[in-house]
Amino acid sequence: MADKNVIQLTDVSKLYQMGEVSFTALDKVSLGISKGEFVAVMGPSGSGKSTLLNMITGIDRPTKGEVTVTGHAVHDMSENRLATWRGEHMGIIFQFFQLLPVLSLLHNVMLPMDFARKYTPQQRSQRAMRLLEDVGLADHAYKLPGMVSGGEQQRAAIARAMANDPPLIVADEPTGNLDSNTTEKIFELFQILVEQGKTMLMVTHDVELARQVPRVMEISDGRITKDDSII
């Protein structure tokens, strides 16, 4: 049922105007992703993957169509409401980690809780440490991001994405800068989150990684050309 989907896009199009020329980044895309699903999105550069993520996260708005995420009409929200909603309902994991270099891993994980004013200050610290323990980084909690490896930074970014216990995790090329062994460990963390009931949407170029995901969407020229499992 569409009303039970964590993510629901209905006839979403996104056009960009460049002078007298218009470019269609998304062309009447409709899709639904239900609670607890693990979905990978694949496609060549310029296919519309980033635009699709921008629609779902509310970073950009559709030219036409509707975007409903965690029961909220993202396309109709004000910027202030979007920021609040995003902090409560969504964890975002970036390819380049996006950790603040002047803060310890512990304080990076605490940031979303600070912004959302969720939990007491003591609870924030305790929860951040527990999340770092979950990703195997308790011993590095007080280190700056530059003092740990790329894989450890990405694990810290996963802990940060979970700070406010969001129902939806969106990952944009989360293993693009990691070696194969570290990629495997990060993927195992994603699987654990899905087992815990989180919904996971991951954009990736890694075909081998996508083969392990139950549902794979392929996008090309702004349209979803395939939506099933890679065999």
Protein backbone atom coordinates (compact mmCIF):
# COMPACT_ATOMS: atom_id res chain seq x y z
CA MET A 1 0.00 0.00 0.00
CA ALA A 2 1.35 3.40 -0.98
CA ASP A 3 0.26 5.03 2.28
CA LYS A 4 2.44 2.57 4.22
CA ASN A 5 5.57 3.31 2.24
CA VAL A 6 8.42 5.10 3.99
CA ILE A 7 9.26 6.67 0.61
CA GLN A 8 6.62 7.42 -2.04
CA LEU A 9 7.33 9.36 -5.24
CA THR A 10 4.43 9.98 -7.61
CA ASP A 11 5.08 11.24 -11.16
CA VAL A 12 8.11 13.23 -10.05
CA SER A 13 9.87 15.30 -12.71
CA LYS A 14 12.75 17.72 -12.29
CA LEU A 15 13.68 20.17 -15.02
CA TYR A 16 16.64 22.52 -14.88
CA GLN A 17 16.71 25.62 -17.05
CA MET A 18 20.10 26.62 -18.45
CA GLY A 19 19.56 29.81 -20.41
CA GLU A 20 17.26 28.89 -23.25
CA VAL A 21 17.92 25.18 -22.85
CA SER A 22 16.04 22.94 -20.41
CA PHE A 23 17.41 19.66 -19.05
CA THR A 24 15.22 16.89 -17.64
CA ALA A 25 17.01 15.28 -14.69
CA LEU A 26 14.01 13.17 -13.63
CA ASP A 27 11.16 12.20 -15.93
CA LYS A 28 7.85 11.15 -14.31
CA VAL A 29 9.46 8.89 -11.70
CA SER A 30 7.13 6.91 -9.43
CA LEU A 31 8.35 4.51 -6.77
CA GLY A 32 7.54 3.19 -3.34
CA ILE A 33 9.86 1.84 -0.66
CA SER A 34 8.34 0.20 2.40
CA LYS A 35 9.53 -0.01 5.99
CA GLY A 36 12.54 -2.25 6.52
CA GLU A 37 13.54 -2.49 2.87
CA PHE A 38 17.17 -2.32 1.75
CA VAL A 39 17.31 -0.74 -1.71
CA ALA A 40 20.30 0.05 -3.91
CA VAL A 41 20.12 2.65 -6.69
CA MET A 42 22.52 2.29 -9.61
CA GLY A 43 23.14 4.14 -12.85
CA PRO A 44 25.82 5.94 -14.83
CA SER A 45 26.98 9.45 -14.00
CA GLY A 46 24.36 11.99 -14.99
CA SER A 47 21.55 9.42 -14.93
CA GLY A 48 19.56 11.17 -12.21
CA LYS A 49 20.70 9.31 -9.08
CA SER A 50 21.80 12.44 -7.21
CA THR A 51 18.65 14.31 -8.24
CA LEU A 52 16.54 11.42 -6.96
CA LEU A 53 18.32 11.56 -3.60
CA ASN A 54 17.88 15.33 -3.49
CA MET A 55 14.13 14.88 -3.95
CA ILE A 56 13.90 12.30 -1.17
CA THR A 57 16.04 14.26 1.29
CA GLY A 58 14.34 17.56 0.50
CA ILE A 59 17.57 19.18 -0.65
CA ASP A 60 15.80 20.04 -3.91
CA ARG A 61 12.15 20.17 -4.96
CA PRO A 62 10.40 18.56 -7.91
CA THR A 63 9.19 20.62 -10.84
CA LYS A 64 6.14 18.38 -10.92
CA GLY A 65 4.89 15.50 -8.82
CA GLU A 66 4.74 14.59 -5.15
CA VAL A 67 7.38 13.35 -2.71
CA THR A 68 6.16 11.79 0.54
CA VAL A 69 8.75 10.50 3.02
CA THR A 70 7.94 9.06 6.46
CA GLY A 71 4.39 10.26 5.94
CA HIS A 72 5.35 13.89 5.25
CA ALA A 73 4.85 15.82 2.01
CA VAL A 74 8.46 16.86 1.50
CA HIS A 75 7.69 18.89 -1.64
CA ASP A 76 5.40 21.21 0.35
CA MET A 77 7.59 21.88 3.40
CA SER A 78 9.25 25.18 4.24
CA GLU A 79 13.04 25.20 4.59
CA ASN A 80 12.82 25.47 8.38
CA ARG A 81 10.36 22.61 8.62
CA LEU A 82 12.51 20.53 6.27
CA ALA A 83 15.55 20.96 8.50
CA THR A 84 13.60 19.89 11.57
CA TRP A 85 11.97 16.96 9.78
CA ARG A 86 15.29 15.79 8.34
CA GLY A 87 16.90 15.77 11.77
CA GLU A 88 14.09 13.67 13.23
CA HIS A 89 13.33 11.26 10.41
CA MET A 90 16.44 10.76 8.31
CA GLY A 91 20.09 9.86 8.68
CA ILE A 92 22.33 10.75 5.73
CA ILE A 93 25.70 9.09 5.06
CA PHE A 94 27.98 10.80 2.55
CA GLN A 95 30.80 9.45 0.39
CA PHE A 96 33.27 11.93 1.89
CA PHE A 97 32.04 11.44 5.49
CA GLN A 98 31.39 15.19 6.14
CA LEU A 99 32.66 15.00 9.72
CA LEU A 100 33.64 18.33 11.27
CA PRO A 101 37.45 18.17 11.50
CA VAL A 102 37.75 20.27 14.68
CA LEU A 103 35.39 18.07 16.71
CA SER A 104 36.10 14.64 18.19
CA LEU A 105 34.26 11.63 16.81
CA LEU A 106 32.12 11.67 19.96
CA HIS A 107 31.08 15.29 19.46
CA ASN A 108 30.44 14.72 15.75
CA VAL A 109 27.97 11.99 16.69
CA MET A 110 26.37 14.27 19.30
CA LEU A 111 25.76 17.10 16.80
CA PRO A 112 22.43 15.87 15.36
CA MET A 113 21.10 15.45 18.90
CA ASP A 114 22.26 18.97 19.77
CA PHE A 115 20.56 20.46 16.70
CA ALA A 116 17.33 18.55 17.33
CA ARG A 117 17.50 19.31 21.07
CA LYS A 118 16.82 15.66 21.62
CA TYR A 119 17.75 13.99 24.91
CA THR A 120 19.48 15.73 27.81
CA PRO A 121 23.15 16.74 27.42
CA GLN A 122 24.21 13.76 29.53
CA GLN A 123 22.03 11.40 27.53
CA ARG A 124 23.48 12.74 24.28
CA SER A 125 27.01 11.95 25.41
CA GLN A 126 26.01 8.50 26.63
CA ARG A 127 24.10 7.71 23.46
CA ALA A 128 26.93 8.92 21.22
CA MET A 129 29.39 6.70 23.07
CA ARG A 130 27.04 3.73 22.79
CA LEU A 131 26.68 4.28 19.04
CA LEU A 132 30.46 4.49 18.66
CA GLU A 133 30.71 1.23 20.59
CA ASP A 134 28.22 -0.31 18.16
CA VAL A 135 30.48 0.55 15.22
CA GLY A 136 33.67 -0.45 17.03
CA LEU A 137 35.04 3.02 17.66
CA ALA A 138 34.71 3.49 21.44
CA ASP A 139 38.50 3.56 21.80
CA HIS A 140 38.70 6.42 19.28
CA ALA A 141 35.84 8.51 20.66
CA TYR A 142 38.00 11.49 21.62
CA LYS A 143 40.13 11.50 18.49
CA LEU A 144 39.66 14.04 15.72
CA PRO A 145 38.52 12.67 12.33
CA GLY A 146 41.94 13.32 10.80
CA MET A 147 43.50 10.97 13.34
CA VAL A 148 41.63 7.87 12.15
CA SER A 149 41.36 6.00 8.85
CA GLY A 150 38.80 6.59 6.12
CA GLY A 151 36.92 3.45 7.10
CA GLU A 152 36.81 4.56 10.71
CA GLN A 153 35.56 7.98 9.66
CA GLN A 154 32.78 6.33 7.67
CA ARG A 155 31.83 4.19 10.66
CA ALA A 156 31.67 7.36 12.75
CA ALA A 157 29.45 8.90 10.06
CA ILE A 158 27.13 5.89 10.33
CA ALA A 159 26.97 6.37 14.10
CA ARG A 160 26.15 10.05 13.53
CA ALA A 161 23.40 9.13 11.06
CA MET A 162 21.83 6.98 13.79
CA ALA A 163 22.07 9.66 16.49
CA ASN A 164 18.38 10.58 16.53
CA ASP A 165 17.21 7.02 15.81
CA PRO A 166 15.69 7.89 12.40
CA PRO A 167 13.51 5.37 10.57
CA LEU A 168 15.25 6.06 7.22
CA ILE A 169 18.94 5.95 6.32
CA VAL A 170 20.09 7.40 2.98
CA ALA A 171 23.63 6.63 1.87
CA ASP A 172 25.23 8.39 -1.12
CA GLU A 173 28.15 6.31 -2.46
CA PRO A 174 29.11 5.41 1.12
CA THR A 175 31.92 3.03 0.13
CA GLY A 176 33.24 4.96 -2.87
CA ASN A 177 36.50 5.87 -1.14
CA LEU A 178 37.06 2.66 0.80
CA ASP A 179 39.01 -0.52 0.09
CA SER A 180 37.21 -3.83 -0.38
CA ASN A 181 37.75 -5.09 3.18
CA THR A 182 36.45 -1.89 4.72
CA THR A 183 33.55 -1.84 2.25
CA GLU A 184 32.52 -5.28 3.46
CA LYS A 185 32.54 -4.13 7.08
CA ILE A 186 30.48 -1.04 6.28
CA PHE A 187 27.97 -3.14 4.36
CA GLU A 188 27.64 -5.49 7.34
CA LEU A 189 26.73 -2.48 9.48
CA PHE A 190 24.03 -1.53 6.96
CA GLN A 191 22.61 -5.05 7.09
CA ILE A 192 22.44 -4.84 10.89
CA LEU A 193 20.53 -1.55 10.67
CA VAL A 194 18.01 -3.13 8.28
CA GLU A 195 17.63 -6.10 10.62
CA GLN A 196 16.82 -3.58 13.35
CA GLY A 197 13.92 -2.30 11.24
CA LYS A 198 15.54 0.69 9.53
CA THR A 199 14.81 1.45 5.89
CA MET A 200 18.01 1.81 3.86
CA LEU A 201 18.42 3.53 0.50
CA MET A 202 21.94 3.36 -0.93
CA VAL A 203 23.29 4.87 -4.13
CA THR A 204 26.30 2.94 -5.37
CA HIS A 205 28.42 2.24 -8.45
CA ASP A 206 29.65 -1.02 -6.91
CA VAL A 207 27.98 -3.88 -8.80
CA GLU A 208 29.34 -6.54 -6.44
CA LEU A 209 27.95 -4.64 -3.46
CA ALA A 210 24.58 -4.22 -5.16
CA ARG A 211 24.37 -7.96 -5.79
CA GLN A 212 24.02 -8.41 -2.03
CA VAL A 213 21.08 -5.99 -1.73
CA PRO A 214 17.56 -7.48 -1.91
CA ARG A 215 16.17 -4.79 -4.21
CA VAL A 216 18.05 -2.89 -6.89
CA MET A 217 16.81 0.03 -8.96
CA GLU A 218 18.60 1.15 -12.09
CA ILE A 219 18.12 4.69 -13.39
CA SER A 220 19.05 6.06 -16.79
CA ASP A 221 18.23 9.38 -18.44
CA GLY A 222 16.06 10.37 -15.51
CA ARG A 223 13.87 7.25 -15.62
CA ILE A 224 13.84 4.05 -13.60
CA THR A 225 14.65 1.38 -16.14
CA LYS A 226 14.82 -1.59 -13.78
CA ASP A 227 13.46 -2.29 -10.33
CA ASP A 228 14.19 -5.78 -9.02
CA SER A 229 17.03 -7.95 -7.73
CA ILE A 230 20.28 -8.30 -9.67
CA ILE A 231 20.79 -11.97 -10.42
